[in-house]
Structures are given as C-alpha cells and as structure tokens.
Amino acid sequence: MTGLTVETLAAGTAPITSAGNARLGVAVLAGIAVIVLLITRLKLHAFLALTVGSLALGVFAGAPLAKTITSFTAGLGATVAGVGVLIALGAILGRLLADSGGADEIVDTILARARGRAMPWAMVLIASVIGLPLFFEVGIVLLIPVVLLVAKRGNYSLMRIGIPALAGLSVMHGLIPPHPGPLVAVDALHANLGVTLALGVVVAVPTVIIAGPLFSRYAARWVDIPAPERMIEQQRPSDAPEQHRPRFGATVLTVLLPVALMLVKALVDIVVDDPENPVQRVTDVIGSPLIALLSAVLVGMVTLGRAAGFTKERISATVEKSLAPIAGILLIVGAGGGFKQTLIDVGTGQMIMDISENWAVPTLLLAWLIAVAIRLATGSATVATISAAGLVAPLAADMSTTGTALLVLAIGAGSLFFSHVNDAGFWMVKEYFGMSVGQTLKTWSVMETVISVVGLGCVLLLSLVL
C-alpha cells in the first residue's frame, strides 16, 4: 500500500456511493479489457500493456493522472523490491545448478526413481513439501529449473509436470500457515493456529491431488507445448568430466538450504512468539527469504561450482550470465504489481466489500465470495485474505474453534480464485513456461479456480461433520 486512499487518489471527491461503485466497477473492467486487447490483438509487450492499462484504469475511474502514475510506480517499485531480488537470486542458483551439472544430477535421479504416471505425483509431493515454508515466488524460482529439465529430458508434456508443481506451491500459499495470508486471517478472526493448521492439511491433500496430477491430464491436452529453450539453462560444458558432477546429496541440501532456514524461522515464530526473544530475532534474519536465498547462492558457489571444478572467474561469469534472461520477467512482474496497486488505490477492494455487505448467504460461503471478488479485482491473494478476514471478523465472534478455523480456510480458498492479468504470479508463470496469455488462462488460471472451488467444497464438507 502506498498510503493513498480513495479520497486522496480521487483528489478530494465525495465518498463512494452506489453510483460511484458502479462507475468504479466499469472502470476496473475497462482497464482489464484494455490490457487484454493490447496483448492479444495488438501484440503489445505485456510490460507496455500493463502500463497503459493502469493509466487507462485511473482515467476511467476519474482519478488525476498524476496520482495514477504515483500509484503505478509505487506498486511497480514495491513488487520489484519484494520479488525482483528473489527472482535474481533464484536465477543465479538455477544457473549454478545447470552449469555445474547439479540440476542434471537431480533430474537423472528423479527420472530413475519416478517414471511415467508416477512423475506428476512426485512433482506435486516435492512442490508441496518445499512450498510449506516458502513464499510462492521463491518456490517458483527454485522449482522451475527442475520442472523444465524433467519435462525436456524425460519427454513429458510441460503441463503434465508443471501444473502439479504449481498446484503444490499454490495450495500451501493460500491454505497453510505460516504463509502470511493464512496467518493474518488467523489473527484477525482469533482462530486457533494449531487447529487451523491441522484442518488446513486435511483440506490441502484432496485439493492438491485434484488440482495437480488429476487436472494436469486435461491441461496437457488443452495446451501441448514443449519446455521453452530460452528458459532452460545451458547443459554442462562438454569438457567437464562426468565425475566432477556435484553429488546428489550436496545438490539437494544446497537447494533445500533456504527451505530449512525459513522453516526454522516459521517454527520459532510459532513456538516462541516473542519479537524481543534473542533466538527469534536471529531466526527472523536468517530465515527471511532474501538472506535464505542469498545463503544458498553463496553455499552453492562452493558445493556446486567448486565441486564441478569451476574457477573463481568461471563462477563469476556464470552469475553474470544468469541475470540477463530475467530482465523481461522483472519488468512484466513489476508492471503487474503496479496495476494491482492502482486497483487498490482507486478503492476497488472497498467497493467490493460495500457491495457484499448485504449478501444473505451462509458465513463460510460469504467469506469465500468476498475473497473471490477482491482477488478478481486486485489480483492479490494476500490482499483478498486480509480484506475478507476484516469484513467477516464480527461474524466469527460466536463461532466454535473448529468453525473459526474453517472460516480462515474458506477465505484462503477464495483468495486463490482465477488468477488473471492483474496478478504478478500470472505473468511469472506465463513467462517461465513460455505460454501466451490465452494458454496461461486455460492452464494456470483454471488450475487456481479448481483449487479455490475444491478447497471450498472440502471446507463445507468438514463443516457438516465437525
């Protein structure tokens, strides 16, 4: 958030009324339509389309152009600051894995132990375990190199392998603490963290199975594309002897180092829960995504680069080569964040909550619907979770411990519904997998919707028996 409110962005206009909500709703739809048309019809680069669409949204909403530009640039900067460095560090680690032969070692081991129909199940299991303590973006940059290499070298459909991995990461992100969205909802609704975590696992297991290995069968039929060559890191040089390949154990430990550091931080935060405690203060630092990934890169220079016989100059060259291919991704992801911030600052979230206040539906379904609406409008699962939790918090006062935990999960499921062009994650998946906007909508966006709907169904079933 940039601190701009509906009133400041609208330059002192009157509070939003029903007519104002209608105008804002039309403005949001028009802004999204501009982006889609620029990309699909005029073939404009996504970065430029998102920039133009954000400015168009501000104009349609009646906000001063200067304020709209401020919102867009602030959102772009915040997104790049939060995600950009992680993408860069992940790219460096991925390049070290590839050039040293470490990624080959992982792929060969996976292919040797899980073949044919077992491969999607192996990918969803790995992604779910790794995604438990990781932010979604971090999980993507760690898993994508392996997903692409497995798909290429094992001659698998990219969607058959990629969708299970994405499903595992997404389900963890939306439903399972210690991810920020579920934790905020637990706090806002005064839910029991242990009960929420336990029920979250119960909901997550069938959800990730249906949205991952099962749905990937259909996604692979709808979008049959090979792994993009431009995103597959180069193979080991032919002059690097086979015996210089990093060992499987050292390679896996290097990749899982940031996972372990962030998991330690999450566990300490839950058990200690005292920001002034020295142990928690240390783990807050070493378990932050930036430090955790940076540590993995520095360790990888030894366990991967030096183990493969790389000189210091070769390691430096590898790091430099890893950064060039991600420039376009950083700009697109940043522009997606700018569009999201513009949506927030013109008051879209408040508009959705105003409209939904009088919906006469059950509490769990109402919470899911509110989260869905805010997710569609802003593109942020975390914003949707926080906003929906704040709105339904009064309704949780008289609910049981189990009921409150299920309310948290209903909100989390709704926050994942139909990721589209205003979600930075949408553009990350599109670019990493080399898909068009239409292909991304038919695979990633539908997968997110399956997760949301199946998650809600599981929550409603549990509410009938608990």
Protein backbone atom coordinates (compact mmCIF):
# COMPACT_ATOMS: atom_id res chain seq x y z
CA MET A 1 0.00 0.00 0.00
CA THR A 2 1.26 3.44 -0.82
CA GLY A 3 -0.90 5.24 1.73
CA LEU A 4 -3.12 6.75 -0.94
CA THR A 5 -6.79 6.45 -0.04
CA VAL A 6 -9.84 6.55 -2.26
CA GLU A 7 -10.31 10.18 -1.32
CA THR A 8 -6.71 11.29 -1.94
CA LEU A 9 -6.46 9.42 -5.20
CA ALA A 10 -9.74 10.91 -6.35
CA ALA A 11 -8.45 14.33 -5.36
CA GLY A 12 -10.97 15.12 -2.69
CA THR A 13 -14.12 13.80 -4.29
CA ALA A 14 -17.08 12.71 -2.17
CA PRO A 15 -17.15 9.27 -0.55
CA ILE A 16 -18.04 6.40 -2.85
CA THR A 17 -21.79 5.98 -3.39
CA SER A 18 -23.76 3.31 -5.21
CA ALA A 19 -23.32 5.27 -8.43
CA GLY A 20 -19.64 5.65 -7.65
CA ASN A 21 -19.32 1.91 -7.09
CA ALA A 22 -20.96 1.24 -10.45
CA ARG A 23 -18.60 3.65 -12.20
CA LEU A 24 -15.59 2.12 -10.48
CA GLY A 25 -16.73 -1.37 -11.43
CA VAL A 26 -16.98 -0.33 -15.07
CA ALA A 27 -13.55 1.32 -14.82
CA VAL A 28 -11.97 -1.87 -13.48
CA LEU A 29 -13.49 -3.98 -16.25
CA ALA A 30 -12.42 -1.42 -18.86
CA GLY A 31 -8.86 -1.32 -17.52
CA ILE A 32 -8.56 -5.11 -17.66
CA ALA A 33 -10.10 -5.13 -21.15
CA VAL A 34 -7.51 -2.62 -22.37
CA ILE A 35 -4.67 -4.86 -21.18
CA VAL A 36 -6.14 -7.99 -22.73
CA LEU A 37 -6.82 -6.29 -26.07
CA LEU A 38 -3.37 -4.69 -26.27
CA ILE A 39 -1.69 -8.05 -25.68
CA THR A 40 -3.94 -10.32 -27.72
CA ARG A 41 -4.94 -8.06 -30.63
CA LEU A 42 -2.10 -5.57 -31.00
CA LYS A 43 0.59 -7.98 -29.74
CA LEU A 44 2.00 -5.26 -27.49
CA HIS A 45 4.61 -6.36 -24.96
CA ALA A 46 3.00 -7.21 -21.63
CA PHE A 47 5.06 -4.60 -19.78
CA LEU A 48 3.75 -1.81 -22.03
CA ALA A 49 0.21 -3.19 -22.00
CA LEU A 50 0.12 -3.28 -18.20
CA THR A 51 1.48 0.26 -18.03
CA VAL A 52 -1.09 1.63 -20.48
CA GLY A 53 -3.88 -0.36 -18.82
CA SER A 54 -3.03 1.05 -15.40
CA LEU A 55 -3.17 4.61 -16.73
CA ALA A 56 -6.44 3.85 -18.51
CA LEU A 57 -7.92 2.48 -15.28
CA GLY A 58 -7.09 5.68 -13.43
CA VAL A 59 -8.63 7.80 -16.19
CA PHE A 60 -11.79 5.67 -16.32
CA ALA A 61 -12.09 5.85 -12.53
CA GLY A 62 -11.85 9.66 -12.59
CA ALA A 63 -8.55 9.86 -10.70
CA PRO A 64 -5.98 12.55 -11.58
CA LEU A 65 -3.36 11.19 -13.94
CA ALA A 66 -0.53 12.29 -11.64
CA LYS A 67 -2.00 10.28 -8.76
CA THR A 68 -2.45 7.26 -11.02
CA ILE A 69 1.17 7.45 -12.11
CA THR A 70 2.21 7.63 -8.45
CA SER A 71 0.18 4.53 -7.64
CA PHE A 72 1.54 2.59 -10.59
CA THR A 73 5.18 3.45 -9.97
CA ALA A 74 4.86 2.77 -6.24
CA GLY A 75 3.32 -0.64 -6.93
CA LEU A 76 5.96 -1.42 -9.54
CA GLY A 77 8.75 -0.45 -7.18
CA ALA A 78 7.33 -2.37 -4.25
CA THR A 79 6.86 -5.50 -6.36
CA VAL A 80 10.34 -5.41 -7.84
CA ALA A 81 11.81 -4.69 -4.40
CA GLY A 82 9.95 -7.61 -2.86
CA VAL A 83 10.13 -10.13 -5.70
CA GLY A 84 12.83 -8.89 -8.04
CA VAL A 85 15.81 -9.70 -5.84
CA LEU A 86 14.37 -13.14 -5.10
CA ILE A 87 13.97 -13.82 -8.82
CA ALA A 88 17.57 -12.71 -9.41
CA LEU A 89 18.96 -14.90 -6.62
CA GLY A 90 16.87 -17.82 -7.83
CA ALA A 91 18.20 -17.32 -11.36
CA ILE A 92 21.79 -17.38 -10.08
CA LEU A 93 21.15 -20.56 -8.10
CA GLY A 94 19.45 -22.12 -11.11
CA ARG A 95 22.37 -21.27 -13.37
CA LEU A 96 24.84 -22.73 -10.88
CA LEU A 97 22.72 -25.87 -10.72
CA ALA A 98 22.68 -26.16 -14.52
CA ASP A 99 26.25 -25.26 -15.41
CA SER A 100 27.76 -27.41 -12.67
CA GLY A 101 25.68 -30.45 -13.57
CA GLY A 102 23.78 -30.34 -10.26
CA ALA A 103 20.43 -29.92 -11.99
CA ASP A 104 21.31 -32.85 -14.25
CA GLU A 105 22.01 -34.93 -11.17
CA ILE A 106 18.61 -34.07 -9.66
CA VAL A 107 16.79 -34.73 -12.91
CA ASP A 108 18.56 -38.04 -13.53
CA THR A 109 17.78 -39.22 -10.01
CA ILE A 110 14.10 -38.24 -10.28
CA LEU A 111 13.77 -39.85 -13.70
CA ALA A 112 15.40 -43.03 -12.42
CA ARG A 113 13.02 -43.39 -9.48
CA ALA A 114 9.73 -41.96 -10.76
CA ARG A 115 8.70 -42.68 -14.31
CA GLY A 116 5.56 -42.47 -16.38
CA ARG A 117 2.41 -41.93 -14.37
CA ALA A 118 4.33 -41.51 -11.12
CA MET A 119 6.13 -38.35 -12.26
CA PRO A 120 3.26 -35.84 -11.74
CA TRP A 121 2.70 -37.29 -8.26
CA ALA A 122 6.40 -36.94 -7.47
CA MET A 123 6.35 -33.30 -8.61
CA VAL A 124 3.31 -32.39 -6.52
CA LEU A 125 4.84 -34.03 -3.44
CA ILE A 126 8.14 -32.18 -3.87
CA ALA A 127 6.38 -28.87 -4.50
CA SER A 128 4.09 -29.28 -1.50
CA VAL A 129 6.95 -30.05 0.87
CA ILE A 130 9.13 -27.25 -0.45
CA GLY A 131 6.18 -24.84 -0.62
CA LEU A 132 5.25 -25.33 3.03
CA PRO A 133 7.63 -22.68 4.42
CA LEU A 134 8.28 -20.75 1.18
CA PHE A 135 6.65 -17.74 -0.38
CA PHE A 136 5.06 -18.66 -3.70
CA GLU A 137 7.54 -16.63 -5.74
CA VAL A 138 10.53 -18.24 -4.00
CA GLY A 139 9.14 -21.70 -4.61
CA ILE A 140 8.69 -20.95 -8.30
CA VAL A 141 12.24 -19.76 -8.85
CA LEU A 142 13.61 -22.81 -7.03
CA LEU A 143 11.43 -25.41 -8.78
CA ILE A 144 11.10 -24.10 -12.33
CA PRO A 145 14.60 -25.17 -13.49
CA VAL A 146 13.92 -28.72 -12.31
CA VAL A 147 10.41 -28.76 -13.83
CA LEU A 148 11.69 -27.62 -17.24
CA LEU A 149 14.59 -30.07 -17.30
CA VAL A 150 12.43 -33.01 -16.20
CA ALA A 151 9.88 -32.18 -18.90
CA LYS A 152 12.55 -31.88 -21.61
CA ARG A 153 14.83 -34.76 -20.74
CA GLY A 154 12.01 -37.13 -19.79
CA ASN A 155 9.97 -36.15 -22.86
CA TYR A 156 6.94 -35.24 -20.72
CA SER A 157 4.28 -32.69 -21.53
CA LEU A 158 5.27 -29.45 -19.82
CA MET A 159 1.79 -29.02 -18.36
CA ARG A 160 1.71 -32.61 -17.10
CA ILE A 161 4.78 -31.85 -14.97
CA GLY A 162 4.36 -28.11 -14.35
CA ILE A 163 0.75 -28.00 -13.18
CA PRO A 164 1.29 -30.42 -10.24
CA ALA A 165 4.31 -28.38 -9.10
CA LEU A 166 2.36 -25.10 -9.33
CA ALA A 167 -0.64 -26.66 -7.55
CA GLY A 168 1.52 -27.80 -4.65
CA LEU A 169 3.02 -24.34 -4.22
CA SER A 170 -0.31 -22.51 -4.59
CA VAL A 171 -2.23 -24.67 -2.12
CA MET A 172 0.43 -24.18 0.52
CA HIS A 173 0.44 -20.42 -0.14
CA GLY A 174 -3.31 -19.98 0.27
CA LEU A 175 -4.28 -22.51 2.94
CA ILE A 176 -1.40 -23.38 5.22
CA PRO A 177 0.24 -21.23 7.91
CA PRO A 178 2.94 -19.89 8.24
CA HIS A 179 2.23 -18.18 4.93
CA PRO A 180 1.32 -14.52 5.50
CA GLY A 181 -2.28 -14.67 4.26
CA PRO A 182 -3.46 -17.53 6.49
CA LEU A 183 -1.53 -16.13 9.47
CA VAL A 184 -3.20 -12.71 9.10
CA ALA A 185 -6.62 -14.37 8.87
CA VAL A 186 -5.90 -16.50 11.95
CA ASP A 187 -5.03 -13.34 13.88
CA ALA A 188 -7.97 -11.28 12.59
CA LEU A 189 -10.52 -14.00 13.37
CA HIS A 190 -8.83 -15.09 16.64
CA ALA A 191 -8.64 -18.64 15.32
CA ASN A 192 -6.59 -21.40 16.92
CA LEU A 193 -3.38 -21.76 14.87
CA GLY A 194 -2.91 -25.46 15.62
CA VAL A 195 -6.48 -26.38 14.68
CA THR A 196 -6.28 -24.24 11.54
CA LEU A 197 -3.02 -25.89 10.51
CA ALA A 198 -4.40 -29.40 11.10
CA LEU A 199 -7.63 -28.74 9.20
CA GLY A 200 -5.64 -26.94 6.52
CA VAL A 201 -3.66 -30.11 5.84
CA VAL A 202 -6.91 -32.11 5.66
CA VAL A 203 -8.28 -29.67 3.08
CA ALA A 204 -4.98 -29.33 1.22
CA VAL A 205 -4.43 -33.03 0.49
CA PRO A 206 -7.51 -33.72 -1.70
CA THR A 207 -7.33 -30.21 -3.16
CA VAL A 208 -3.76 -30.55 -4.38
CA ILE A 209 -4.42 -34.05 -5.76
CA ILE A 210 -7.38 -32.89 -7.83
CA ALA A 211 -5.85 -29.59 -8.98
CA GLY A 212 -2.40 -31.11 -9.56
CA PRO A 213 -1.91 -34.61 -11.02
CA LEU A 214 -5.57 -35.10 -12.00
CA PHE A 215 -6.21 -31.71 -13.60
CA SER A 216 -2.82 -31.77 -15.34
CA ARG A 217 -4.15 -34.52 -17.62
CA TYR A 218 -6.65 -32.09 -19.12
CA ALA A 219 -4.28 -29.11 -19.06
CA ALA A 220 -1.75 -31.12 -21.08
CA ARG A 221 -4.42 -31.77 -23.73
CA TRP A 222 -5.54 -28.14 -23.88
CA VAL A 223 -2.02 -26.71 -24.05
CA ASP A 224 0.58 -29.04 -25.50
CA ILE A 225 3.84 -27.08 -25.59
CA PRO A 226 7.48 -28.03 -25.11
CA ALA A 227 9.69 -26.57 -22.39
CA PRO A 228 10.87 -23.15 -23.68
CA GLU A 229 14.50 -23.31 -24.79
CA ARG A 230 15.19 -19.74 -23.70
CA MET A 231 14.33 -20.60 -20.09
CA ILE A 232 16.28 -23.87 -19.95
CA GLU A 233 19.73 -23.30 -18.60
CA GLN A 234 22.63 -24.49 -20.69
CA GLN A 235 23.89 -28.02 -20.11
CA ARG A 236 27.28 -28.70 -18.59
CA PRO A 237 30.20 -27.93 -20.89
CA SER A 238 31.33 -30.97 -22.83
CA ASP A 239 34.83 -30.66 -21.38
CA ALA A 240 33.56 -31.06 -17.80
CA PRO A 241 34.21 -34.65 -16.79
CA GLU A 242 31.25 -36.70 -15.55
CA GLN A 243 32.92 -37.42 -12.21
CA HIS A 244 33.01 -33.66 -11.48
CA ARG A 245 29.25 -33.51 -11.27
CA PRO A 246 28.13 -32.41 -7.76
CA ARG A 247 26.78 -35.27 -5.71
CA PHE A 248 23.03 -35.65 -5.39
CA GLY A 249 23.05 -35.20 -1.61
CA ALA A 250 25.10 -31.99 -1.71
CA THR A 251 22.96 -30.61 -4.52
CA VAL A 252 19.68 -31.29 -2.73
CA LEU A 253 21.00 -29.87 0.53
CA THR A 254 22.02 -26.69 -1.28
CA VAL A 255 18.61 -26.28 -2.87
CA LEU A 256 16.83 -27.05 0.42
CA LEU A 257 19.02 -24.73 2.50
CA PRO A 258 16.67 -21.73 2.09
CA VAL A 259 13.72 -24.02 2.78
CA ALA A 260 15.32 -25.18 6.03
CA LEU A 261 16.22 -21.65 7.14
CA MET A 262 12.71 -20.33 6.50
CA LEU A 263 11.13 -23.36 8.15
CA VAL A 264 13.24 -22.78 11.27
CA LYS A 265 12.04 -19.17 11.32
CA ALA A 266 8.41 -20.27 10.98
CA LEU A 267 8.69 -22.81 13.78
CA VAL A 268 10.40 -20.35 16.12
CA ASP A 269 7.77 -17.71 15.35
CA ILE A 270 5.04 -20.19 16.31
CA VAL A 271 6.72 -21.67 19.39
CA VAL A 272 8.43 -18.59 20.86
CA ASP A 273 6.10 -15.83 19.60
CA ASP A 274 8.15 -13.06 21.24
CA PRO A 275 9.73 -10.48 18.88
CA GLU A 276 12.18 -9.47 21.65
CA ASN A 277 13.45 -13.00 22.21
CA PRO A 278 17.11 -13.27 21.02
CA VAL A 279 16.51 -16.61 19.30
CA GLN A 280 13.53 -15.29 17.37
CA ARG A 281 15.41 -12.14 16.40
CA VAL A 282 18.20 -14.25 14.92
CA THR A 283 15.85 -16.59 13.06
CA ASP A 284 13.87 -13.61 11.74
CA VAL A 285 17.06 -12.52 9.96
CA ILE A 286 18.46 -15.82 8.71
CA GLY A 287 15.00 -17.08 7.80
CA SER A 288 13.98 -14.08 5.71
CA PRO A 289 13.62 -15.01 2.01
CA LEU A 290 16.41 -12.63 0.98
CA ILE A 291 19.00 -13.96 3.44
CA ALA A 292 17.92 -17.57 2.97
CA LEU A 293 18.28 -17.45 -0.81
CA LEU A 294 21.49 -15.42 -0.64
CA SER A 295 22.93 -18.04 1.70
CA ALA A 296 22.00 -20.78 -0.75
CA VAL A 297 23.71 -18.92 -3.60
CA LEU A 298 26.91 -18.41 -1.60
CA VAL A 299 26.94 -22.02 -0.43
CA GLY A 300 26.15 -23.18 -3.97
CA MET A 301 29.26 -21.46 -5.29
CA VAL A 302 31.22 -23.98 -3.22
CA THR A 303 29.04 -27.10 -3.22
CA LEU A 304 28.11 -26.76 -6.90
CA GLY A 305 30.63 -24.52 -8.64
CA ARG A 306 33.81 -25.57 -6.90
CA ALA A 307 32.67 -29.20 -6.77
CA ALA A 308 32.40 -29.13 -10.58
CA GLY A 309 35.92 -27.74 -10.86
CA PHE A 310 34.92 -24.15 -11.65
CA THR A 311 37.49 -21.43 -11.16
CA LYS A 312 36.60 -18.16 -9.44
CA GLU A 313 36.41 -16.49 -12.85
CA ARG A 314 34.08 -19.18 -14.16
CA ILE A 315 31.76 -18.81 -11.18
CA SER A 316 31.68 -15.03 -11.68
CA ALA A 317 30.86 -15.48 -15.38
CA THR A 318 28.08 -17.93 -14.50
CA VAL A 319 26.50 -15.41 -12.14
CA GLU A 320 26.70 -12.67 -14.79
CA LYS A 321 25.11 -14.86 -17.48
CA SER A 322 22.24 -15.79 -15.19
CA LEU A 323 20.90 -12.25 -14.85
CA ALA A 324 20.37 -11.21 -18.48
CA PRO A 325 17.47 -13.60 -19.30
CA ILE A 326 15.32 -12.40 -16.39
CA ALA A 327 15.20 -8.68 -17.31
CA GLY A 328 11.92 -9.03 -19.21
CA ILE A 329 10.36 -11.09 -16.44
CA LEU A 330 11.25 -8.49 -13.83
CA LEU A 331 9.65 -5.68 -15.87
CA ILE A 332 6.46 -7.64 -16.52
CA VAL A 333 6.10 -8.78 -12.91
CA GLY A 334 6.78 -5.22 -11.72
CA ALA A 335 4.17 -3.76 -14.07
CA GLY A 336 1.67 -6.35 -12.82
CA GLY A 337 2.36 -5.09 -9.30
CA GLY A 338 1.83 -1.51 -10.49
CA PHE A 339 -1.55 -2.38 -11.98
CA LYS A 340 -2.53 -4.17 -8.77
CA GLN A 341 -1.60 -1.11 -6.68
CA THR A 342 -3.59 1.17 -8.97
CA LEU A 343 -6.62 -1.06 -8.49
CA ILE A 344 -6.19 -0.93 -4.72
CA ASP A 345 -5.69 2.83 -4.58
CA VAL A 346 -8.77 3.70 -6.62
CA GLY A 347 -10.79 1.85 -3.98
CA THR A 348 -11.65 -1.43 -5.68
CA GLY A 349 -11.36 -3.52 -2.52
CA GLN A 350 -13.63 -1.18 -0.56
CA MET A 351 -16.12 -1.19 -3.45
CA ILE A 352 -16.32 -4.99 -3.34
CA MET A 353 -16.84 -5.00 0.42
CA ASP A 354 -19.53 -2.31 0.21
CA ILE A 355 -21.46 -4.30 -2.37
CA SER A 356 -21.18 -7.59 -0.45
CA GLU A 357 -22.26 -6.32 2.97
CA ASN A 358 -25.91 -7.30 2.50
CA TRP A 359 -25.43 -10.68 0.81
CA ALA A 360 -27.75 -13.18 2.55
CA VAL A 361 -25.63 -16.33 2.32
CA PRO A 362 -24.02 -18.70 4.86
CA THR A 363 -20.95 -17.32 6.62
CA LEU A 364 -18.42 -19.73 5.08
CA LEU A 365 -19.75 -19.13 1.57
CA LEU A 366 -19.96 -15.37 2.16
CA ALA A 367 -16.32 -15.26 3.27
CA TRP A 368 -15.29 -17.24 0.18
CA LEU A 369 -17.31 -14.99 -2.16
CA ILE A 370 -15.85 -11.81 -0.69
CA ALA A 371 -12.31 -13.16 -1.02
CA VAL A 372 -13.07 -14.23 -4.60
CA ALA A 373 -14.37 -10.79 -5.55
CA ILE A 374 -11.37 -8.97 -4.06
CA ARG A 375 -8.97 -11.48 -5.61
CA LEU A 376 -10.51 -10.93 -9.05
CA ALA A 377 -10.36 -7.18 -8.65
CA THR A 378 -6.90 -6.72 -7.12
CA GLY A 379 -5.01 -9.85 -8.18
CA SER A 380 -3.50 -10.31 -4.73
CA ALA A 381 -4.26 -13.39 -2.65
CA THR A 382 -2.86 -11.72 0.46
CA VAL A 383 -4.93 -8.53 -0.03
CA ALA A 384 -8.03 -10.66 -0.61
CA THR A 385 -7.38 -12.67 2.56
CA ILE A 386 -6.73 -9.62 4.73
CA SER A 387 -9.75 -7.68 3.41
CA ALA A 388 -12.17 -10.60 3.63
CA ALA A 389 -10.99 -11.53 7.13
CA GLY A 390 -11.51 -7.97 8.31
CA LEU A 391 -15.03 -7.88 6.90
CA VAL A 392 -16.25 -11.19 8.35
CA ALA A 393 -14.39 -10.90 11.67
CA PRO A 394 -17.56 -9.85 13.59
CA LEU A 395 -19.29 -13.00 12.34
CA ALA A 396 -16.60 -15.19 13.92
CA ALA A 397 -17.27 -13.96 17.45
CA ASP A 398 -19.83 -16.66 18.28
CA MET A 399 -18.32 -19.48 16.21
CA SER A 400 -16.66 -22.58 17.66
CA THR A 401 -12.91 -23.17 17.46
CA THR A 402 -13.41 -25.52 14.53
CA GLY A 403 -15.83 -23.14 12.82
CA THR A 404 -13.41 -20.24 13.07
CA ALA A 405 -10.59 -22.36 11.62
CA LEU A 406 -12.82 -23.38 8.72
CA LEU A 407 -13.67 -19.71 8.16
CA VAL A 408 -9.96 -18.97 7.78
CA LEU A 409 -9.65 -21.77 5.23
CA ALA A 410 -12.72 -20.62 3.29
CA ILE A 411 -11.15 -17.17 2.96
CA GLY A 412 -7.84 -18.72 1.91
CA ALA A 413 -9.55 -20.81 -0.76
CA GLY A 414 -11.38 -17.79 -2.12
CA SER A 415 -8.17 -15.77 -2.30
CA LEU A 416 -6.80 -18.19 -4.93
CA PHE A 417 -9.71 -17.97 -7.37
CA PHE A 418 -8.93 -17.39 -11.09
CA SER A 419 -5.59 -15.61 -11.25
CA HIS A 420 -5.54 -13.38 -14.34
CA VAL A 421 -3.76 -10.36 -15.84
CA ASN A 422 -3.71 -8.24 -12.67
CA ASP A 423 -1.76 -10.89 -10.72
CA ALA A 424 2.04 -10.81 -10.78
CA GLY A 425 2.03 -14.60 -10.36
CA PHE A 426 0.11 -14.91 -13.64
CA TRP A 427 2.93 -13.18 -15.52
CA MET A 428 5.63 -15.16 -13.76
CA VAL A 429 4.03 -18.44 -14.80
CA LYS A 430 3.38 -17.18 -18.34
CA GLU A 431 6.97 -16.10 -18.90
CA TYR A 432 8.67 -19.02 -17.19
CA PHE A 433 6.64 -21.56 -19.17
CA GLY A 434 6.73 -19.61 -22.43
CA MET A 435 2.94 -19.52 -22.86
CA SER A 436 0.61 -16.99 -24.45
CA VAL A 437 -1.98 -15.14 -22.38
CA GLY A 438 -4.71 -17.48 -23.64
CA GLN A 439 -2.70 -20.59 -22.81
CA THR A 440 -1.94 -19.26 -19.34
CA LEU A 441 -5.65 -18.63 -18.73
CA LYS A 442 -6.55 -22.19 -19.83
CA THR A 443 -3.96 -23.79 -17.57
CA TRP A 444 -2.73 -21.70 -14.63
CA SER A 445 -5.93 -19.66 -14.19
CA VAL A 446 -8.20 -22.70 -14.41
CA MET A 447 -5.93 -24.60 -12.01
CA GLU A 448 -6.24 -21.78 -9.47
CA THR A 449 -10.02 -21.87 -9.86
CA VAL A 450 -10.06 -25.65 -9.31
CA ILE A 451 -8.02 -25.17 -6.12
CA SER A 452 -10.44 -22.49 -4.90
CA VAL A 453 -13.63 -24.43 -5.65
CA VAL A 454 -12.37 -27.80 -4.38
CA GLY A 455 -10.96 -26.12 -1.28
CA LEU A 456 -14.34 -24.55 -0.55
CA GLY A 457 -16.08 -27.89 -1.11
CA CYS A 458 -13.78 -29.60 1.38
CA VAL A 459 -14.36 -26.81 3.92
CA LEU A 460 -18.14 -27.11 3.56
CA LEU A 461 -17.99 -30.91 3.92
CA LEU A 462 -15.90 -30.59 7.09
CA SER A 463 -18.41 -28.07 8.47
CA LEU A 464 -21.12 -30.72 8.20
CA VAL A 465 -19.22 -33.33 10.21
CA LEU A 466 -17.25 -31.27 12.75
